[in-house]
Amino acid sequence: MYGPTLKALTSARGRMIIFGWGRSGKTQQVSPTQALVLGFAYFHIFWLFRVSFGLKYSLATLTEAGWAARALSPAEAMSGGATTTLTLHWWWRFGLLITLATIVAIGLLSSLG
């Protein structure tokens, strides 16, 4: 779908079995020569419990020299030519925080009883 240059624009990862961090991205094709890119940073534990932050949208355009990216505001990204909204699922955005809050709540409730 896209060349390796676009993938290099959207990811840089530090992978470990127990925990990891890095930058990643999601892309959605807008036209044959343009893609909407959502870049974000993340921290995870066991790949399943993740918190993502620093969401930034950009428009990648294929040129003769490779991919060129232009930063977009979230409003511009939503009003562009994309057929659906490009975003992260709530679990991949806040899963680690939800898990930690649940553990704390269970701990507090068990100490009260």
N, C-alpha and C. Protein backbone atom coordinates (compact mmCIF):
# COMPACT_ATOMS: atom_id res chain seq x y z
N MET A 1 0.82 -1.19 0.00
CA MET A 1 0.00 0.00 0.00
C MET A 1 0.87 1.25 0.00
N TYR A 2 1.75 1.39 0.96
CA TYR A 2 2.66 2.53 1.02
C TYR A 2 4.08 2.01 1.06
N GLY A 3 5.01 2.82 0.59
CA GLY A 3 6.41 2.41 0.59
C GLY A 3 7.02 2.45 1.97
N PRO A 4 8.23 1.96 2.11
CA PRO A 4 8.89 1.93 3.41
C PRO A 4 9.17 3.33 3.96
N THR A 5 9.22 4.33 3.12
CA THR A 5 9.49 5.68 3.60
C THR A 5 8.34 6.18 4.46
N LEU A 6 7.10 5.90 4.08
CA LEU A 6 5.95 6.31 4.90
C LEU A 6 5.97 5.58 6.23
N LYS A 7 6.32 4.30 6.25
CA LYS A 7 6.40 3.55 7.49
C LYS A 7 7.47 4.16 8.40
N ALA A 8 8.55 4.61 7.83
CA ALA A 8 9.59 5.25 8.63
C ALA A 8 9.10 6.56 9.24
N LEU A 9 8.17 7.23 8.58
CA LEU A 9 7.61 8.46 9.12
C LEU A 9 6.77 8.21 10.37
N THR A 10 6.18 7.02 10.48
CA THR A 10 5.18 6.78 11.51
C THR A 10 5.61 5.86 12.63
N SER A 11 6.83 5.33 12.66
CA SER A 11 7.14 4.40 13.74
C SER A 11 8.61 4.46 14.16
N ALA A 12 8.80 4.36 15.43
CA ALA A 12 10.10 4.16 16.07
C ALA A 12 9.79 3.49 17.39
N ARG A 13 10.27 2.28 17.59
CA ARG A 13 9.82 1.50 18.73
C ARG A 13 10.97 1.00 19.58
N GLY A 14 10.70 0.91 20.88
CA GLY A 14 11.57 0.23 21.82
C GLY A 14 10.79 -0.95 22.37
N ARG A 15 11.06 -2.15 21.88
CA ARG A 15 10.25 -3.31 22.25
C ARG A 15 10.97 -4.15 23.28
N MET A 16 10.22 -4.53 24.29
CA MET A 16 10.70 -5.45 25.30
C MET A 16 9.54 -6.35 25.68
N ILE A 17 9.84 -7.49 26.27
CA ILE A 17 8.79 -8.44 26.62
C ILE A 17 7.91 -7.90 27.74
N ILE A 18 8.49 -7.38 28.78
CA ILE A 18 7.72 -6.93 29.94
C ILE A 18 7.11 -5.56 29.69
N PHE A 19 7.89 -4.62 29.21
CA PHE A 19 7.37 -3.28 28.93
C PHE A 19 8.08 -2.71 27.71
N GLY A 20 7.48 -1.70 27.15
CA GLY A 20 8.06 -1.09 25.97
C GLY A 20 7.54 0.32 25.77
N TRP A 21 8.14 1.02 24.84
CA TRP A 21 7.76 2.40 24.57
C TRP A 21 8.16 2.71 23.13
N GLY A 22 7.70 3.82 22.65
CA GLY A 22 8.09 4.22 21.32
C GLY A 22 7.08 5.14 20.67
N ARG A 23 7.22 5.26 19.37
CA ARG A 23 6.29 6.04 18.56
C ARG A 23 5.74 5.11 17.50
N SER A 24 4.49 5.31 17.19
CA SER A 24 3.85 4.50 16.17
C SER A 24 2.85 5.38 15.42
N GLY A 25 2.18 4.80 14.47
CA GLY A 25 1.22 5.58 13.72
C GLY A 25 0.22 4.71 13.01
N LYS A 26 -0.87 5.32 12.65
CA LYS A 26 -1.91 4.70 11.83
C LYS A 26 -2.05 5.56 10.58
N THR A 27 -2.33 4.92 9.47
CA THR A 27 -2.51 5.66 8.23
C THR A 27 -3.85 5.30 7.61
N GLN A 28 -4.38 6.25 6.87
CA GLN A 28 -5.61 6.04 6.12
C GLN A 28 -5.45 6.74 4.78
N GLN A 29 -5.65 6.00 3.71
CA GLN A 29 -5.49 6.57 2.38
C GLN A 29 -6.64 7.52 2.08
N VAL A 30 -6.30 8.74 1.64
CA VAL A 30 -7.28 9.75 1.29
C VAL A 30 -7.47 9.79 -0.23
N SER A 31 -6.37 9.68 -0.95
CA SER A 31 -6.39 9.64 -2.41
C SER A 31 -5.23 8.74 -2.85
N PRO A 32 -5.08 8.48 -4.13
CA PRO A 32 -3.96 7.61 -4.55
C PRO A 32 -2.58 8.15 -4.19
N THR A 33 -2.45 9.44 -3.99
CA THR A 33 -1.13 10.00 -3.66
C THR A 33 -1.07 10.64 -2.28
N GLN A 34 -2.13 10.54 -1.48
CA GLN A 34 -2.14 11.16 -0.16
C GLN A 34 -2.66 10.19 0.89
N ALA A 35 -2.10 10.33 2.09
CA ALA A 35 -2.54 9.52 3.22
C ALA A 35 -2.60 10.40 4.46
N LEU A 36 -3.63 10.19 5.25
CA LEU A 36 -3.75 10.85 6.55
C LEU A 36 -3.00 9.99 7.55
N VAL A 37 -2.12 10.60 8.33
CA VAL A 37 -1.28 9.86 9.27
C VAL A 37 -1.56 10.37 10.68
N LEU A 38 -1.80 9.44 11.59
CA LEU A 38 -1.94 9.75 13.01
C LEU A 38 -0.73 9.17 13.72
N GLY A 39 0.16 10.05 14.18
CA GLY A 39 1.35 9.61 14.91
C GLY A 39 1.13 9.79 16.40
N PHE A 40 1.68 8.87 17.20
CA PHE A 40 1.52 8.96 18.65
C PHE A 40 2.66 8.26 19.35
N ALA A 41 2.88 8.64 20.59
CA ALA A 41 3.87 7.97 21.44
C ALA A 41 3.10 7.06 22.39
N TYR A 42 3.76 6.00 22.87
CA TYR A 42 3.08 5.08 23.76
C TYR A 42 4.05 4.45 24.75
N PHE A 43 3.49 3.90 25.81
CA PHE A 43 4.19 3.08 26.79
C PHE A 43 3.29 1.90 27.06
N HIS A 44 3.84 0.69 27.09
CA HIS A 44 2.99 -0.47 27.32
C HIS A 44 3.63 -1.46 28.28
N ILE A 45 2.78 -2.28 28.87
CA ILE A 45 3.19 -3.40 29.70
C ILE A 45 2.53 -4.63 29.10
N PHE A 46 3.33 -5.64 28.78
CA PHE A 46 2.85 -6.88 28.15
C PHE A 46 2.05 -6.63 26.88
N TRP A 47 2.33 -5.62 26.13
CA TRP A 47 1.70 -5.25 24.86
C TRP A 47 0.20 -4.99 24.96
N LEU A 48 -0.44 -5.49 25.99
CA LEU A 48 -1.89 -5.37 26.09
C LEU A 48 -2.32 -4.11 26.83
N PHE A 49 -1.57 -3.71 27.82
CA PHE A 49 -1.93 -2.55 28.65
C PHE A 49 -1.08 -1.37 28.20
N ARG A 50 -1.71 -0.45 27.48
CA ARG A 50 -0.97 0.63 26.84
C ARG A 50 -1.59 1.98 27.19
N VAL A 51 -0.74 2.99 27.27
CA VAL A 51 -1.20 4.37 27.33
C VAL A 51 -0.53 5.10 26.16
N SER A 52 -1.35 5.79 25.37
CA SER A 52 -0.86 6.52 24.20
C SER A 52 -1.07 8.01 24.42
N PHE A 53 -0.13 8.80 23.95
CA PHE A 53 -0.20 10.24 24.16
C PHE A 53 0.50 10.95 23.01
N GLY A 54 0.33 12.25 22.96
CA GLY A 54 0.99 13.06 21.92
C GLY A 54 0.46 12.78 20.53
N LEU A 55 -0.86 12.66 20.40
CA LEU A 55 -1.45 12.38 19.09
C LEU A 55 -1.26 13.58 18.17
N LYS A 56 -0.69 13.31 16.99
CA LYS A 56 -0.45 14.36 16.00
C LYS A 56 -0.86 13.87 14.63
N TYR A 57 -1.64 14.68 13.94
CA TYR A 57 -2.08 14.35 12.60
C TYR A 57 -1.17 15.02 11.57
N SER A 58 -0.99 14.35 10.44
CA SER A 58 -0.29 14.95 9.33
C SER A 58 -0.83 14.38 8.03
N LEU A 59 -0.59 15.08 6.96
CA LEU A 59 -1.00 14.64 5.63
C LEU A 59 0.27 14.30 4.87
N ALA A 60 0.41 13.03 4.50
CA ALA A 60 1.57 12.58 3.74
C ALA A 60 1.21 12.56 2.26
N THR A 61 2.05 13.18 1.46
CA THR A 61 1.82 13.26 0.01
C THR A 61 2.99 12.62 -0.71
N LEU A 62 2.69 11.74 -1.65
CA LEU A 62 3.73 11.08 -2.43
C LEU A 62 4.25 12.05 -3.49
N THR A 63 5.56 12.29 -3.46
CA THR A 63 6.20 13.14 -4.45
C THR A 63 7.26 12.31 -5.18
N GLU A 64 7.91 12.91 -6.13
CA GLU A 64 8.96 12.19 -6.86
C GLU A 64 10.13 11.85 -5.95
N ALA A 65 10.35 12.64 -4.90
CA ALA A 65 11.47 12.42 -3.99
C ALA A 65 11.09 11.53 -2.80
N GLY A 66 9.85 11.07 -2.72
CA GLY A 66 9.41 10.25 -1.59
C GLY A 66 8.17 10.87 -0.96
N TRP A 67 7.97 10.58 0.31
CA TRP A 67 6.80 11.10 1.02
C TRP A 67 7.12 12.43 1.68
N ALA A 68 6.23 13.40 1.52
CA ALA A 68 6.34 14.70 2.18
C ALA A 68 5.17 14.79 3.16
N ALA A 69 5.44 15.24 4.39
CA ALA A 69 4.40 15.31 5.40
C ALA A 69 4.16 16.75 5.82
N ARG A 70 2.88 17.09 6.02
CA ARG A 70 2.49 18.42 6.49
C ARG A 70 1.62 18.23 7.72
N ALA A 71 1.96 18.94 8.80
CA ALA A 71 1.21 18.82 10.05
C ALA A 71 -0.20 19.39 9.88
N LEU A 72 -1.17 18.72 10.54
CA LEU A 72 -2.55 19.16 10.52
C LEU A 72 -3.08 19.27 11.94
N SER A 73 -4.01 20.19 12.15
CA SER A 73 -4.70 20.24 13.43
C SER A 73 -5.75 19.13 13.42
N PRO A 74 -6.23 18.70 14.61
CA PRO A 74 -7.28 17.67 14.62
C PRO A 74 -8.53 18.07 13.83
N ALA A 75 -8.90 19.35 13.88
CA ALA A 75 -10.07 19.82 13.13
C ALA A 75 -9.84 19.68 11.63
N GLU A 76 -8.65 20.03 11.16
CA GLU A 76 -8.33 19.89 9.73
C GLU A 76 -8.35 18.42 9.32
N ALA A 77 -7.83 17.56 10.19
CA ALA A 77 -7.78 16.13 9.87
C ALA A 77 -9.19 15.55 9.76
N MET A 78 -10.09 15.99 10.62
CA MET A 78 -11.46 15.46 10.59
C MET A 78 -12.26 16.01 9.41
N SER A 79 -11.94 17.21 8.96
CA SER A 79 -12.70 17.81 7.86
C SER A 79 -12.10 17.49 6.50
N GLY A 80 -11.00 16.74 6.48
CA GLY A 80 -10.35 16.39 5.21
C GLY A 80 -11.18 15.39 4.41
N GLY A 81 -10.55 14.77 3.45
CA GLY A 81 -11.26 13.87 2.56
C GLY A 81 -11.37 12.44 3.04
N ALA A 82 -11.02 12.15 4.28
CA ALA A 82 -11.06 10.77 4.77
C ALA A 82 -12.51 10.30 4.90
N THR A 83 -12.73 9.02 4.61
CA THR A 83 -14.09 8.48 4.67
C THR A 83 -14.53 8.19 6.10
N THR A 84 -13.60 7.89 6.98
CA THR A 84 -13.91 7.66 8.39
C THR A 84 -12.92 8.42 9.25
N THR A 85 -13.24 8.53 10.53
CA THR A 85 -12.37 9.24 11.45
C THR A 85 -11.17 8.37 11.81
N LEU A 86 -9.98 8.92 11.70
CA LEU A 86 -8.76 8.22 12.06
C LEU A 86 -8.43 8.55 13.50
N THR A 87 -8.53 7.57 14.38
CA THR A 87 -8.26 7.77 15.79
C THR A 87 -7.82 6.44 16.40
N LEU A 88 -7.48 6.47 17.67
CA LEU A 88 -7.11 5.25 18.39
C LEU A 88 -8.31 4.74 19.18
N HIS A 89 -8.41 3.45 19.29
CA HIS A 89 -9.43 2.85 20.14
C HIS A 89 -9.17 3.26 21.58
N TRP A 90 -10.24 3.43 22.37
CA TRP A 90 -10.08 3.90 23.75
C TRP A 90 -9.18 2.97 24.57
N TRP A 91 -9.20 1.66 24.29
CA TRP A 91 -8.35 0.75 25.07
C TRP A 91 -6.87 0.99 24.79
N TRP A 92 -6.50 1.23 23.52
CA TRP A 92 -5.09 1.46 23.19
C TRP A 92 -4.64 2.84 23.65
N ARG A 93 -5.58 3.70 23.93
CA ARG A 93 -5.22 5.04 24.40
C ARG A 93 -5.11 5.10 25.92
N PHE A 94 -6.02 4.42 26.65
CA PHE A 94 -6.08 4.54 28.10
C PHE A 94 -6.05 3.20 28.84
N GLY A 95 -5.78 2.09 28.18
CA GLY A 95 -5.87 0.77 28.78
C GLY A 95 -5.02 0.59 30.03
N LEU A 96 -3.80 1.10 30.01
CA LEU A 96 -2.92 0.98 31.17
C LEU A 96 -3.47 1.76 32.36
N LEU A 97 -3.98 2.96 32.11
CA LEU A 97 -4.55 3.77 33.19
C LEU A 97 -5.80 3.13 33.77
N ILE A 98 -6.64 2.57 32.91
CA ILE A 98 -7.85 1.90 33.39
C ILE A 98 -7.49 0.69 34.24
N THR A 99 -6.50 -0.07 33.81
CA THR A 99 -6.06 -1.25 34.56
C THR A 99 -5.51 -0.85 35.92
N LEU A 100 -4.68 0.18 35.96
CA LEU A 100 -4.11 0.64 37.24
C LEU A 100 -5.21 1.17 38.17
N ALA A 101 -6.17 1.91 37.63
CA ALA A 101 -7.28 2.42 38.45
C ALA A 101 -8.11 1.27 39.01
N THR A 102 -8.32 0.23 38.22
CA THR A 102 -9.07 -0.94 38.68
C THR A 102 -8.33 -1.66 39.80
N ILE A 103 -7.03 -1.82 39.67
CA ILE A 103 -6.23 -2.46 40.72
C ILE A 103 -6.28 -1.66 42.00
N VAL A 104 -6.16 -0.34 41.92
CA VAL A 104 -6.23 0.53 43.09
C VAL A 104 -7.60 0.45 43.73
N ALA A 105 -8.66 0.48 42.93
CA ALA A 105 -10.02 0.40 43.46
C ALA A 105 -10.27 -0.94 44.17
N ILE A 106 -9.80 -2.03 43.58
CA ILE A 106 -9.95 -3.34 44.21
C ILE A 106 -9.17 -3.39 45.52
N GLY A 107 -7.98 -2.81 45.54
CA GLY A 107 -7.18 -2.75 46.77
C GLY A 107 -7.87 -1.94 47.86
N LEU A 108 -8.43 -0.81 47.48
CA LEU A 108 -9.12 0.03 48.46
C LEU A 108 -10.38 -0.66 49.00
N LEU A 109 -11.14 -1.26 48.10
CA LEU A 109 -12.36 -1.96 48.54
C LEU A 109 -12.05 -3.16 49.43
N SER A 110 -10.98 -3.87 49.12
CA SER A 110 -10.64 -5.04 49.96
C SER A 110 -10.11 -4.62 51.31
N SER A 111 -9.48 -3.44 51.41
CA SER A 111 -8.97 -2.99 52.69
C SER A 111 -10.11 -2.44 53.57
N LEU A 112 -11.21 -2.02 52.97
CA LEU A 112 -12.35 -1.52 53.74
C LEU A 112 -13.18 -2.65 54.34
N GLY A 113 -13.18 -3.79 53.68
CA GLY A 113 -14.04 -4.90 54.11
C GLY A 113 -13.42 -5.80 55.07
